[in-house]
């Protein structure tokens, strides 16, 4: 029963979230914005309104690989969003610009997330080794130690995913407000942006629930 609640249900939620974002993005990537502004132009305009002129906007390969790197002050957009003029492209680009604004304004959750990145990356990298060791050494003291390490790792990952939620939702809120306030999109066009960004946010909720599920399952097995 614990496995069903803590693992299967989060997996189903994750699959639903991926299907939701794929459907929303696919639908709104076919609807062009009236101004014909590209994602890169929208991101530059949104950042410019916040007084940001030192962030490079670059085009990268891949699908929905868009991200903002606070260490290099680089806003990377996938080709379809960098060059595209769709509601989805403009929405995603503005969302990443929202992260740049968070960085400039020292938004606390983003600072916390940045501080957690190194330890989270380390934890994620050693997790497969610890899990394998736990199976091999099942039942002995070393196996119990591996289980305890897994608990710590999933605790770190769960905290990271929890902190990520306000960062992503806030970036989307900033993007939605800026697109309307700057006149980049008309009010009726925001429906497509809202649909795309809200679906994307659900994937972060699913990631948090999945990490939390594994953590709770491990904790329940310690009893």
N, C-alpha and C. Protein backbone atom coordinates (compact mmCIF):
# COMPACT_ATOMS: atom_id res chain seq x y z
N UNK A 1 0.83 -1.21 0.00
CA UNK A 1 0.00 0.00 0.00
C UNK A 1 0.87 1.27 0.00
N UNK A 2 1.94 1.26 0.81
CA UNK A 2 2.84 2.42 0.85
C UNK A 2 3.45 2.70 -0.52
N UNK A 3 3.83 1.62 -1.22
CA UNK A 3 4.43 1.78 -2.55
C UNK A 3 3.43 2.41 -3.51
N UNK A 4 2.17 2.01 -3.41
CA UNK A 4 1.13 2.57 -4.27
C UNK A 4 0.96 4.06 -4.01
N UNK A 5 0.88 4.42 -2.73
CA UNK A 5 0.64 5.82 -2.36
C UNK A 5 1.84 6.70 -2.64
N UNK A 6 3.03 6.24 -2.24
CA UNK A 6 4.21 7.09 -2.30
C UNK A 6 4.92 7.08 -3.66
N UNK A 7 4.75 6.02 -4.44
CA UNK A 7 5.50 5.89 -5.69
C UNK A 7 4.60 5.88 -6.94
N UNK A 8 3.64 4.99 -6.97
CA UNK A 8 2.81 4.84 -8.17
C UNK A 8 2.00 6.10 -8.46
N UNK A 9 1.37 6.65 -7.43
CA UNK A 9 0.56 7.86 -7.63
C UNK A 9 1.42 9.03 -8.12
N UNK A 10 2.60 9.28 -7.53
CA UNK A 10 3.47 10.34 -8.07
C UNK A 10 3.91 10.08 -9.51
N UNK A 11 4.13 8.81 -9.86
CA UNK A 11 4.51 8.49 -11.23
C UNK A 11 3.38 8.85 -12.19
N UNK A 12 2.16 8.52 -11.79
CA UNK A 12 0.99 8.85 -12.61
C UNK A 12 0.86 10.37 -12.75
N UNK A 13 1.07 11.08 -11.65
CA UNK A 13 1.01 12.54 -11.68
C UNK A 13 2.09 13.10 -12.61
N UNK A 14 3.27 12.52 -12.57
CA UNK A 14 4.36 12.96 -13.43
C UNK A 14 4.04 12.76 -14.90
N UNK A 15 3.48 11.59 -15.23
CA UNK A 15 3.10 11.31 -16.61
C UNK A 15 2.00 12.26 -17.09
N UNK A 16 1.06 12.53 -16.19
CA UNK A 16 -0.03 13.48 -16.52
C UNK A 16 0.54 14.87 -16.78
N UNK A 17 1.47 15.29 -15.92
CA UNK A 17 2.07 16.62 -16.06
C UNK A 17 2.83 16.75 -17.38
N UNK A 18 3.58 15.71 -17.74
CA UNK A 18 4.32 15.74 -19.00
C UNK A 18 3.38 15.80 -20.20
N UNK A 19 2.28 15.04 -20.12
CA UNK A 19 1.30 15.06 -21.20
C UNK A 19 0.62 16.42 -21.29
N UNK A 20 0.37 17.00 -20.12
CA UNK A 20 -0.29 18.31 -20.06
C UNK A 20 0.58 19.39 -20.69
N UNK A 21 1.86 19.44 -20.33
CA UNK A 21 2.74 20.47 -20.85
C UNK A 21 3.01 20.26 -22.33
N UNK A 22 3.11 18.99 -22.75
CA UNK A 22 3.32 18.70 -24.16
C UNK A 22 2.13 19.15 -24.99
N UNK A 23 0.92 18.88 -24.49
CA UNK A 23 -0.28 19.27 -25.21
C UNK A 23 -0.46 20.77 -25.25
N UNK A 24 -0.23 21.44 -24.11
CA UNK A 24 -0.40 22.89 -24.05
C UNK A 24 0.62 23.60 -24.92
N UNK A 25 1.87 23.14 -24.85
CA UNK A 25 2.92 23.78 -25.65
C UNK A 25 2.67 23.54 -27.14
N UNK A 26 2.33 22.30 -27.47
CA UNK A 26 2.08 21.98 -28.88
C UNK A 26 0.94 22.80 -29.46
N UNK A 27 -0.12 22.95 -28.70
CA UNK A 27 -1.28 23.72 -29.14
C UNK A 27 -0.93 25.19 -29.32
N UNK A 28 -0.29 25.79 -28.33
CA UNK A 28 -0.02 27.23 -28.37
C UNK A 28 1.22 27.61 -29.18
N UNK A 29 2.02 26.63 -29.56
CA UNK A 29 3.14 26.91 -30.46
C UNK A 29 2.65 27.10 -31.89
N UNK A 30 1.40 26.75 -32.13
CA UNK A 30 0.81 26.93 -33.46
C UNK A 30 0.00 28.22 -33.56
N UNK A 31 -0.12 28.94 -32.45
CA UNK A 31 -0.87 30.20 -32.45
C UNK A 31 0.13 31.36 -32.40
N UNK A 32 0.21 32.12 -33.48
CA UNK A 32 1.19 33.21 -33.57
C UNK A 32 0.69 34.47 -32.86
N UNK A 33 1.62 35.18 -32.24
CA UNK A 33 1.26 36.43 -31.56
C UNK A 33 0.97 37.50 -32.60
N UNK A 34 0.10 38.42 -32.26
CA UNK A 34 -0.30 39.45 -33.22
C UNK A 34 0.84 40.39 -33.57
N UNK A 35 1.68 40.70 -32.59
CA UNK A 35 2.80 41.61 -32.86
C UNK A 35 3.91 40.94 -33.65
N UNK A 36 3.91 39.63 -33.67
CA UNK A 36 4.95 38.91 -34.40
C UNK A 36 6.30 39.00 -33.73
N UNK A 37 6.32 39.26 -32.43
CA UNK A 37 7.58 39.38 -31.71
C UNK A 37 8.13 37.98 -31.40
N UNK A 38 9.43 37.82 -31.53
CA UNK A 38 10.03 36.52 -31.25
C UNK A 38 10.23 36.34 -29.74
N UNK A 39 10.51 35.10 -29.36
CA UNK A 39 10.77 34.83 -27.95
C UNK A 39 11.96 35.62 -27.44
N UNK A 40 13.02 35.66 -28.26
CA UNK A 40 14.23 36.40 -27.86
C UNK A 40 13.92 37.88 -27.67
N UNK A 41 13.13 38.44 -28.56
CA UNK A 41 12.78 39.86 -28.46
C UNK A 41 11.91 40.12 -27.23
N UNK A 42 11.00 39.19 -26.95
CA UNK A 42 10.13 39.34 -25.79
C UNK A 42 10.95 39.29 -24.50
N UNK A 43 11.89 38.35 -24.44
CA UNK A 43 12.74 38.23 -23.26
C UNK A 43 13.55 39.50 -23.05
N UNK A 44 14.09 40.04 -24.12
CA UNK A 44 14.89 41.26 -24.03
C UNK A 44 14.03 42.43 -23.56
N UNK A 45 12.81 42.51 -24.05
CA UNK A 45 11.92 43.61 -23.66
C UNK A 45 11.51 43.50 -22.20
N UNK A 46 11.21 42.27 -21.77
CA UNK A 46 10.82 42.06 -20.37
C UNK A 46 11.97 42.40 -19.44
N UNK A 47 13.17 41.95 -19.76
CA UNK A 47 14.33 42.25 -18.92
C UNK A 47 14.66 43.74 -18.97
N UNK A 48 14.52 44.33 -20.13
CA UNK A 48 14.81 45.75 -20.27
C UNK A 48 13.91 46.60 -19.39
N UNK A 49 12.66 46.18 -19.24
CA UNK A 49 11.72 46.93 -18.40
C UNK A 49 12.13 46.90 -16.94
N UNK A 50 12.96 45.91 -16.58
CA UNK A 50 13.45 45.79 -15.20
C UNK A 50 14.86 46.35 -15.06
N UNK A 51 15.35 46.99 -16.12
CA UNK A 51 16.68 47.60 -16.06
C UNK A 51 17.81 46.61 -16.24
N UNK A 52 17.52 45.47 -16.85
CA UNK A 52 18.56 44.45 -17.06
C UNK A 52 19.10 44.56 -18.48
N UNK A 53 20.39 44.84 -18.61
CA UNK A 53 21.00 44.94 -19.92
C UNK A 53 22.32 44.17 -20.01
N UNK A 54 22.58 43.34 -19.00
CA UNK A 54 23.84 42.60 -18.98
C UNK A 54 23.65 41.09 -19.05
N UNK A 55 22.49 40.66 -19.54
CA UNK A 55 22.21 39.23 -19.70
C UNK A 55 22.22 38.86 -21.18
N UNK A 56 23.02 37.88 -21.52
CA UNK A 56 23.10 37.43 -22.91
C UNK A 56 21.96 36.45 -23.19
N UNK A 57 21.30 36.63 -24.33
CA UNK A 57 20.26 35.71 -24.77
C UNK A 57 20.84 34.87 -25.90
N UNK A 58 20.91 33.57 -25.69
CA UNK A 58 21.54 32.70 -26.68
C UNK A 58 20.57 31.61 -27.14
N UNK A 59 20.81 31.12 -28.32
CA UNK A 59 20.00 30.04 -28.90
C UNK A 59 20.70 28.70 -28.65
N UNK A 60 19.95 27.72 -28.18
CA UNK A 60 20.51 26.40 -27.91
C UNK A 60 19.66 25.33 -28.60
N UNK A 61 20.22 24.14 -28.69
CA UNK A 61 19.51 23.04 -29.32
C UNK A 61 18.59 22.36 -28.32
N UNK A 62 17.75 21.47 -28.83
CA UNK A 62 16.87 20.71 -27.95
C UNK A 62 15.46 21.27 -27.91
N UNK A 63 14.57 20.47 -27.30
CA UNK A 63 13.16 20.85 -27.19
C UNK A 63 12.86 21.20 -25.74
N UNK A 64 12.38 22.42 -25.50
CA UNK A 64 12.08 22.91 -24.15
C UNK A 64 13.29 22.78 -23.22
N UNK A 65 14.43 23.15 -23.74
CA UNK A 65 15.67 23.14 -22.95
C UNK A 65 15.97 24.54 -22.41
N UNK A 66 15.00 25.42 -22.48
CA UNK A 66 15.15 26.81 -22.09
C UNK A 66 15.49 26.93 -20.60
N UNK A 67 16.41 27.85 -20.27
CA UNK A 67 16.77 28.06 -18.88
C UNK A 67 17.56 29.36 -18.72
N UNK A 68 17.61 29.82 -17.48
CA UNK A 68 18.43 30.99 -17.15
C UNK A 68 19.53 30.55 -16.22
N UNK A 69 20.77 30.91 -16.56
CA UNK A 69 21.93 30.57 -15.73
C UNK A 69 22.39 31.81 -14.98
N UNK A 70 22.12 31.87 -13.66
CA UNK A 70 22.50 33.07 -12.91
C UNK A 70 24.00 33.25 -12.75
N UNK A 71 24.76 32.16 -12.86
CA UNK A 71 26.21 32.26 -12.68
C UNK A 71 26.87 32.97 -13.86
N UNK A 72 26.36 32.69 -15.07
CA UNK A 72 26.93 33.32 -16.26
C UNK A 72 26.07 34.45 -16.81
N UNK A 73 24.94 34.68 -16.16
CA UNK A 73 23.97 35.67 -16.63
C UNK A 73 23.64 35.43 -18.11
N UNK A 74 23.23 34.20 -18.37
CA UNK A 74 22.88 33.80 -19.73
C UNK A 74 21.46 33.25 -19.75
N UNK A 75 20.65 33.76 -20.66
CA UNK A 75 19.30 33.26 -20.85
C UNK A 75 19.31 32.43 -22.13
N UNK A 76 19.17 31.13 -21.99
CA UNK A 76 19.25 30.21 -23.13
C UNK A 76 17.86 29.78 -23.57
N UNK A 77 17.59 29.95 -24.85
CA UNK A 77 16.29 29.58 -25.41
C UNK A 77 16.48 28.56 -26.53
N UNK A 78 15.64 27.54 -26.53
CA UNK A 78 15.67 26.57 -27.61
C UNK A 78 15.31 27.27 -28.91
N UNK A 79 15.74 26.71 -30.02
CA UNK A 79 15.55 27.36 -31.32
C UNK A 79 14.10 27.76 -31.57
N UNK A 80 13.16 26.88 -31.22
CA UNK A 80 11.75 27.15 -31.49
C UNK A 80 11.23 28.31 -30.67
N UNK A 81 11.83 28.55 -29.51
CA UNK A 81 11.39 29.66 -28.68
C UNK A 81 12.22 30.92 -28.90
N UNK A 82 13.46 30.75 -29.30
CA UNK A 82 14.32 31.90 -29.60
C UNK A 82 13.82 32.63 -30.85
N UNK A 83 13.52 31.85 -31.87
CA UNK A 83 13.11 32.44 -33.15
C UNK A 83 11.59 32.48 -33.34
N UNK A 84 10.88 31.65 -32.60
CA UNK A 84 9.43 31.55 -32.79
C UNK A 84 8.66 32.77 -32.32
N UNK A 85 7.50 32.97 -32.93
CA UNK A 85 6.65 34.11 -32.58
C UNK A 85 5.31 33.65 -32.01
N UNK A 86 5.25 32.39 -31.60
CA UNK A 86 4.00 31.84 -31.08
C UNK A 86 3.75 32.30 -29.64
N UNK A 87 2.53 32.08 -29.18
CA UNK A 87 2.19 32.41 -27.80
C UNK A 87 3.04 31.58 -26.84
N UNK A 88 3.28 30.32 -27.20
CA UNK A 88 4.09 29.44 -26.36
C UNK A 88 5.53 29.94 -26.28
N UNK A 89 6.09 30.32 -27.41
CA UNK A 89 7.48 30.81 -27.45
C UNK A 89 7.64 32.07 -26.63
N UNK A 90 6.73 33.00 -26.81
CA UNK A 90 6.80 34.27 -26.08
C UNK A 90 6.62 34.03 -24.58
N UNK A 91 5.69 33.13 -24.22
CA UNK A 91 5.44 32.83 -22.82
C UNK A 91 6.64 32.20 -22.13
N UNK A 92 7.23 31.21 -22.78
CA UNK A 92 8.38 30.52 -22.21
C UNK A 92 9.56 31.49 -22.07
N UNK A 93 9.79 32.29 -23.09
CA UNK A 93 10.91 33.24 -23.07
C UNK A 93 10.72 34.27 -21.95
N UNK A 94 9.49 34.74 -21.79
CA UNK A 94 9.21 35.72 -20.74
C UNK A 94 9.38 35.08 -19.36
N UNK A 95 9.04 33.81 -19.25
CA UNK A 95 9.22 33.09 -17.99
C UNK A 95 10.70 33.06 -17.61
N UNK A 96 11.56 32.74 -18.56
CA UNK A 96 12.99 32.71 -18.27
C UNK A 96 13.51 34.11 -17.93
N UNK A 97 12.95 35.11 -18.59
CA UNK A 97 13.31 36.49 -18.27
C UNK A 97 12.90 36.81 -16.83
N UNK A 98 11.81 36.19 -16.39
CA UNK A 98 11.37 36.36 -15.01
C UNK A 98 12.42 35.89 -14.02
N UNK A 99 13.14 34.82 -14.38
CA UNK A 99 14.22 34.33 -13.52
C UNK A 99 15.36 35.36 -13.46
N UNK A 100 15.64 35.99 -14.59
CA UNK A 100 16.70 37.01 -14.61
C UNK A 100 16.33 38.18 -13.71
N UNK A 101 15.05 38.54 -13.70
CA UNK A 101 14.59 39.62 -12.83
C UNK A 101 14.70 39.20 -11.37
N UNK A 102 14.35 37.95 -11.08
CA UNK A 102 14.51 37.43 -9.72
C UNK A 102 15.96 37.57 -9.27
N UNK A 103 16.87 37.22 -10.17
CA UNK A 103 18.29 37.28 -9.84
C UNK A 103 18.72 38.71 -9.54
N UNK A 104 18.31 39.64 -10.37
CA UNK A 104 18.68 41.04 -10.18
C UNK A 104 18.14 41.57 -8.86
N UNK A 105 16.93 41.15 -8.51
CA UNK A 105 16.28 41.65 -7.30
C UNK A 105 16.59 40.81 -6.07
N UNK A 106 17.50 39.83 -6.21
CA UNK A 106 17.91 38.98 -5.09
C UNK A 106 16.71 38.30 -4.44
N UNK A 107 15.86 37.73 -5.27
CA UNK A 107 14.68 37.02 -4.79
C UNK A 107 15.12 35.86 -3.90
N UNK A 108 14.68 35.85 -2.66
CA UNK A 108 15.18 34.92 -1.64
C UNK A 108 15.09 33.44 -2.04
N UNK A 109 13.93 32.96 -2.53
CA UNK A 109 13.86 31.55 -2.91
C UNK A 109 14.87 31.17 -4.01
N UNK A 110 15.13 32.09 -4.95
CA UNK A 110 16.11 31.81 -5.99
C UNK A 110 17.51 31.71 -5.38
N UNK A 111 17.84 32.60 -4.45
CA UNK A 111 19.15 32.55 -3.79
C UNK A 111 19.31 31.24 -3.02
N UNK A 112 18.23 30.81 -2.38
CA UNK A 112 18.27 29.54 -1.64
C UNK A 112 18.47 28.38 -2.60
N UNK A 113 17.75 28.41 -3.72
CA UNK A 113 17.87 27.34 -4.71
C UNK A 113 19.29 27.28 -5.27
N UNK A 114 19.86 28.43 -5.56
CA UNK A 114 21.23 28.48 -6.08
C UNK A 114 22.22 27.88 -5.08
N UNK A 115 21.99 28.17 -3.80
CA UNK A 115 22.89 27.65 -2.76
C UNK A 115 22.77 26.13 -2.63
N UNK A 116 21.59 25.60 -2.95
CA UNK A 116 21.36 24.16 -2.83
C UNK A 116 21.81 23.36 -4.05
N UNK A 117 22.08 24.04 -5.17
CA UNK A 117 22.43 23.34 -6.41
C UNK A 117 23.65 22.42 -6.25
N UNK A 118 24.78 22.87 -5.70
CA UNK A 118 25.96 21.99 -5.61
C UNK A 118 25.70 20.71 -4.81
N UNK A 119 25.10 20.84 -3.64
CA UNK A 119 24.87 19.66 -2.80
C UNK A 119 23.81 18.75 -3.42
N UNK A 120 22.84 19.33 -4.13
CA UNK A 120 21.81 18.53 -4.79
C UNK A 120 22.40 17.74 -5.95
N UNK A 121 23.27 18.38 -6.71
CA UNK A 121 23.94 17.69 -7.82
C UNK A 121 24.80 16.55 -7.31
N UNK A 122 25.51 16.79 -6.21
CA UNK A 122 26.34 15.75 -5.61
C UNK A 122 25.48 14.59 -5.13
N UNK A 123 24.39 14.91 -4.45
CA UNK A 123 23.49 13.88 -3.94
C UNK A 123 22.91 13.04 -5.07
N UNK A 124 22.50 13.70 -6.14
CA UNK A 124 21.92 12.99 -7.29
C UNK A 124 22.94 12.08 -7.96
N UNK A 125 24.20 12.52 -7.99
CA UNK A 125 25.24 11.74 -8.67
C UNK A 125 25.61 10.47 -7.92
N UNK A 126 25.52 10.51 -6.59
CA UNK A 126 25.91 9.32 -5.82
C UNK A 126 24.72 8.41 -5.49
N UNK A 127 23.51 8.88 -5.77
CA UNK A 127 22.32 8.08 -5.45
C UNK A 127 22.34 6.69 -6.08
N UNK A 128 22.64 6.55 -7.40
CA UNK A 128 22.64 5.21 -8.00
C UNK A 128 23.62 4.26 -7.32
N UNK A 129 24.79 4.78 -6.93
CA UNK A 129 25.80 3.96 -6.27
C UNK A 129 25.30 3.49 -4.91
N UNK A 130 24.67 4.39 -4.18
CA UNK A 130 24.16 4.05 -2.85
C UNK A 130 23.03 3.03 -2.94
N UNK A 131 22.14 3.21 -3.92
CA UNK A 131 21.03 2.27 -4.09
C UNK A 131 21.58 0.89 -4.44
N UNK A 132 22.54 0.84 -5.36
CA UNK A 132 23.14 -0.44 -5.74
C UNK A 132 23.80 -1.10 -4.53
N UNK A 133 24.52 -0.30 -3.76
CA UNK A 133 25.17 -0.83 -2.58
C UNK A 133 24.17 -1.35 -1.57
N UNK A 134 23.03 -0.70 -1.47
CA UNK A 134 21.99 -1.13 -0.55
C UNK A 134 21.43 -2.49 -0.92
N UNK A 135 21.27 -2.73 -2.23
CA UNK A 135 20.76 -4.03 -2.69
C UNK A 135 21.79 -5.14 -2.46
N UNK A 136 23.03 -4.84 -2.75
CA UNK A 136 24.09 -5.84 -2.59
C UNK A 136 24.30 -6.20 -1.13
N UNK A 137 24.23 -5.18 -0.29
CA UNK A 137 24.52 -5.39 1.14
C UNK A 137 23.25 -5.50 1.98
N UNK A 138 22.15 -5.85 1.36
CA UNK A 138 20.86 -5.89 2.02
C UNK A 138 20.91 -6.74 3.30
N UNK A 139 20.48 -6.15 4.41
CA UNK A 139 20.38 -6.90 5.66
C UNK A 139 21.50 -6.66 6.63
N UNK A 140 22.67 -6.30 6.13
CA UNK A 140 23.81 -6.06 7.02
C UNK A 140 23.86 -4.62 7.49
N UNK A 141 24.85 -4.35 8.33
CA UNK A 141 25.01 -2.98 8.83
C UNK A 141 25.30 -2.00 7.70
N UNK A 142 26.09 -2.49 6.74
CA UNK A 142 26.42 -1.62 5.59
C UNK A 142 25.17 -1.31 4.78
N UNK A 143 24.28 -2.31 4.68
CA UNK A 143 23.03 -2.10 3.96
C UNK A 143 22.16 -1.06 4.66
N UNK A 144 22.13 -1.13 6.00
CA UNK A 144 21.37 -0.15 6.78
C UNK A 144 21.96 1.25 6.60
N UNK A 145 23.29 1.31 6.54
CA UNK A 145 23.95 2.60 6.33
C UNK A 145 23.57 3.18 4.98
N UNK A 146 23.53 2.32 3.97
CA UNK A 146 23.13 2.77 2.63
C UNK A 146 21.71 3.32 2.65
N UNK A 147 20.84 2.66 3.39
CA UNK A 147 19.46 3.12 3.51
C UNK A 147 19.41 4.50 4.15
N UNK A 148 20.20 4.70 5.19
CA UNK A 148 20.23 5.99 5.87
C UNK A 148 20.76 7.09 4.94
N UNK A 149 21.76 6.75 4.14
CA UNK A 149 22.31 7.72 3.19
C UNK A 149 21.25 8.08 2.15
N UNK A 150 20.48 7.07 1.72
CA UNK A 150 19.40 7.32 0.75
C UNK A 150 18.38 8.29 1.33
N UNK A 151 18.08 8.13 2.60
CA UNK A 151 17.13 9.03 3.26
C UNK A 151 17.65 10.47 3.21
N UNK A 152 18.91 10.65 3.51
CA UNK A 152 19.51 11.99 3.50
C UNK A 152 19.49 12.57 2.09
N UNK A 153 19.82 11.73 1.11
CA UNK A 153 19.84 12.18 -0.29
C UNK A 153 18.45 12.64 -0.72
N UNK A 154 17.43 11.83 -0.44
CA UNK A 154 16.08 12.20 -0.85
C UNK A 154 15.55 13.39 -0.06
N UNK A 155 16.04 13.57 1.16
CA UNK A 155 15.67 14.75 1.92
C UNK A 155 16.21 16.00 1.24
N UNK A 156 17.47 15.93 0.80
CA UNK A 156 18.09 17.05 0.09
C UNK A 156 17.33 17.35 -1.20
N UNK A 157 17.03 16.30 -1.96
CA UNK A 157 16.33 16.48 -3.23
C UNK A 157 14.92 17.02 -3.03
N UNK A 158 14.26 16.57 -1.97
CA UNK A 158 12.90 17.04 -1.70
C UNK A 158 12.89 18.51 -1.31
N UNK A 159 13.85 18.92 -0.48
CA UNK A 159 13.96 20.32 -0.10
C UNK A 159 14.24 21.18 -1.33
N UNK A 160 15.13 20.68 -2.19
CA UNK A 160 15.46 21.41 -3.43
C UNK A 160 14.22 21.59 -4.29
N UNK A 161 13.45 20.52 -4.48
CA UNK A 161 12.24 20.61 -5.29
C UNK A 161 11.20 21.52 -4.65
N UNK A 162 11.14 21.51 -3.32
CA UNK A 162 10.19 22.39 -2.62
C UNK A 162 10.55 23.86 -2.83
N UNK A 163 11.83 24.18 -2.73
CA UNK A 163 12.28 25.56 -2.93
C UNK A 163 12.07 25.99 -4.38
N UNK A 164 12.15 25.04 -5.29
CA UNK A 164 11.98 25.34 -6.72
C UNK A 164 10.57 25.82 -7.04
N UNK A 165 9.59 25.35 -6.31
CA UNK A 165 8.19 25.69 -6.60
C UNK A 165 7.92 27.20 -6.58
N UNK A 166 8.24 27.93 -5.50
CA UNK A 166 7.99 29.37 -5.54
C UNK A 166 8.83 30.10 -6.59
N UNK A 167 10.03 29.57 -6.87
CA UNK A 167 10.88 30.18 -7.90
C UNK A 167 10.19 30.12 -9.26
N UNK A 168 9.65 28.96 -9.60
CA UNK A 168 9.02 28.79 -10.91
C UNK A 168 7.68 29.52 -11.00
N UNK A 169 6.88 29.42 -9.96
CA UNK A 169 5.57 30.09 -9.99
C UNK A 169 5.72 31.61 -10.02
N UNK A 170 6.70 32.11 -9.29
CA UNK A 170 6.93 33.55 -9.28
C UNK A 170 7.43 34.05 -10.62
N UNK A 171 8.30 33.25 -11.27
CA UNK A 171 8.80 33.64 -12.60
C UNK A 171 7.66 33.71 -13.60
N UNK A 172 6.74 32.76 -13.51
CA UNK A 172 5.58 32.76 -14.41
C UNK A 172 4.68 33.96 -14.13
N UNK A 173 4.48 34.28 -12.86
CA UNK A 173 3.64 35.44 -12.51
C UNK A 173 4.26 36.73 -13.05
N UNK A 174 5.58 36.85 -12.93
CA UNK A 174 6.26 38.03 -13.45
C UNK A 174 6.12 38.09 -14.98
N UNK A 175 6.25 36.94 -15.63
CA UNK A 175 6.14 36.90 -17.09
C UNK A 175 4.76 37.33 -17.56
N UNK A 176 3.73 36.78 -16.92
CA UNK A 176 2.35 37.10 -17.32
C UNK A 176 2.06 38.59 -17.14
N UNK A 177 2.50 39.14 -16.01
CA UNK A 177 2.25 40.57 -15.75
C UNK A 177 3.01 41.44 -16.76
N UNK A 178 4.25 41.10 -17.03
CA UNK A 178 5.07 41.91 -17.93
C UNK A 178 4.54 41.88 -19.36
N UNK A 179 4.12 40.73 -19.82
CA UNK A 179 3.63 40.61 -21.20
C UNK A 179 2.42 41.50 -21.44
N UNK A 180 1.58 41.63 -20.42
CA UNK A 180 0.41 42.49 -20.56
C UNK A 180 0.77 43.96 -20.32
N UNK A 181 1.52 44.22 -19.26
CA UNK A 181 1.85 45.61 -18.93
C UNK A 181 2.65 46.29 -20.03
N UNK A 182 3.51 45.54 -20.71
CA UNK A 182 4.35 46.10 -21.77
C UNK A 182 3.66 46.09 -23.13
N UNK A 183 2.47 45.51 -23.17
CA UNK A 183 1.73 45.47 -24.43
C UNK A 183 2.31 44.50 -25.45
N UNK A 184 3.08 43.55 -24.98
CA UNK A 184 3.67 42.56 -25.89
C UNK A 184 2.58 41.64 -26.43
N UNK A 185 1.63 41.30 -25.57
CA UNK A 185 0.49 40.49 -25.97
C UNK A 185 -0.80 41.18 -25.55
N UNK A 186 -1.86 40.94 -26.30
CA UNK A 186 -3.17 41.45 -25.93
C UNK A 186 -3.77 40.55 -24.85
N UNK A 187 -4.77 41.08 -24.17
CA UNK A 187 -5.38 40.35 -23.06
C UNK A 187 -5.91 38.99 -23.48
N UNK A 188 -6.53 38.91 -24.66
CA UNK A 188 -7.11 37.64 -25.09
C UNK A 188 -6.03 36.62 -25.49
N UNK A 189 -4.81 37.10 -25.76
CA UNK A 189 -3.72 36.19 -26.11
C UNK A 189 -3.12 35.54 -24.87
N UNK A 190 -3.38 36.13 -23.71
CA UNK A 190 -2.79 35.61 -22.48
C UNK A 190 -3.32 34.23 -22.11
N UNK A 191 -4.45 33.87 -22.66
CA UNK A 191 -5.00 32.55 -22.35
C UNK A 191 -4.02 31.46 -22.78
N UNK A 192 -3.41 31.62 -23.94
CA UNK A 192 -2.45 30.64 -24.43
C UNK A 192 -1.19 30.61 -23.59
N UNK A 193 -0.74 31.78 -23.14
CA UNK A 193 0.44 31.86 -22.27
C UNK A 193 0.15 31.21 -20.93
N UNK A 194 -1.01 31.56 -20.36
CA UNK A 194 -1.39 30.99 -19.07
C UNK A 194 -1.46 29.48 -19.13
N UNK A 195 -2.05 28.97 -20.19
CA UNK A 195 -2.20 27.52 -20.35
C UNK A 195 -0.84 26.84 -20.43
N UNK A 196 0.08 27.44 -21.18
CA UNK A 196 1.41 26.86 -21.35
C UNK A 196 2.22 26.90 -20.06
N UNK A 197 2.26 28.05 -19.41
CA UNK A 197 3.08 28.19 -18.21
C UNK A 197 2.48 27.44 -17.01
N UNK A 198 1.16 27.39 -16.92
CA UNK A 198 0.53 26.64 -15.82
C UNK A 198 0.79 25.15 -15.96
N UNK A 199 0.79 24.66 -17.20
CA UNK A 199 1.07 23.24 -17.44
C UNK A 199 2.53 22.94 -17.09
N UNK A 200 3.43 23.84 -17.46
CA UNK A 200 4.84 23.65 -17.15
C UNK A 200 5.07 23.63 -15.65
N UNK A 201 4.36 24.48 -14.93
CA UNK A 201 4.51 24.53 -13.47
C UNK A 201 4.11 23.22 -12.82
N UNK A 202 3.15 22.54 -13.42
CA UNK A 202 2.68 21.27 -12.86
C UNK A 202 3.79 20.22 -12.86
N UNK A 203 4.73 20.31 -13.80
CA UNK A 203 5.83 19.36 -13.83
C UNK A 203 6.73 19.52 -12.60
N UNK A 204 6.85 20.74 -12.11
CA UNK A 204 7.65 20.97 -10.90
C UNK A 204 6.94 20.45 -9.66
N UNK A 205 5.62 20.55 -9.67
CA UNK A 205 4.84 19.97 -8.57
C UNK A 205 5.03 18.46 -8.56
N UNK A 206 4.96 17.86 -9.75
CA UNK A 206 5.12 16.41 -9.87
C UNK A 206 6.51 15.98 -9.40
N UNK A 207 7.53 16.76 -9.73
CA UNK A 207 8.90 16.43 -9.31
C UNK A 207 9.03 16.47 -7.79
N UNK A 208 8.39 17.45 -7.18
CA UNK A 208 8.42 17.55 -5.71
C UNK A 208 7.69 16.37 -5.08
N UNK A 209 6.51 16.05 -5.60
CA UNK A 209 5.72 14.94 -5.06
C UNK A 209 6.47 13.62 -5.20
N UNK A 210 7.16 13.45 -6.31
CA UNK A 210 7.92 12.22 -6.53
C UNK A 210 9.06 12.09 -5.51
N UNK A 211 9.83 13.16 -5.33
CA UNK A 211 10.92 13.13 -4.34
C UNK A 211 10.37 12.89 -2.93
N UNK A 212 9.28 13.56 -2.61
CA UNK A 212 8.67 13.40 -1.29
C UNK A 212 8.17 11.97 -1.11
N UNK A 213 7.61 11.39 -2.17
CA UNK A 213 7.11 10.03 -2.09
C UNK A 213 8.21 9.03 -1.76
N UNK A 214 9.34 9.15 -2.45
CA UNK A 214 10.47 8.26 -2.16
C UNK A 214 10.99 8.46 -0.74
N UNK A 215 11.05 9.72 -0.31
CA UNK A 215 11.52 10.00 1.05
C UNK A 215 10.60 9.36 2.09
N UNK A 216 9.30 9.50 1.90
CA UNK A 216 8.34 8.93 2.85
C UNK A 216 8.37 7.40 2.83
N UNK A 217 8.58 6.83 1.65
CA UNK A 217 8.66 5.37 1.55
C UNK A 217 9.88 4.86 2.30
N UNK A 218 11.01 5.52 2.13
CA UNK A 218 12.23 5.11 2.83
C UNK A 218 12.07 5.24 4.34
N UNK A 219 11.46 6.33 4.75
CA UNK A 219 11.24 6.55 6.19
C UNK A 219 10.30 5.51 6.78
N UNK A 220 9.29 5.12 6.01
CA UNK A 220 8.34 4.10 6.50
C UNK A 220 9.00 2.74 6.62
N UNK A 221 10.00 2.48 5.77
CA UNK A 221 10.69 1.18 5.80
C UNK A 221 11.73 1.10 6.91
N UNK A 222 12.02 2.23 7.54
CA UNK A 222 13.00 2.23 8.64
C UNK A 222 12.37 1.75 9.95
N UNK A 223 11.06 1.74 9.98
CA UNK A 223 10.39 1.38 11.24
C UNK A 223 10.51 -0.11 11.54
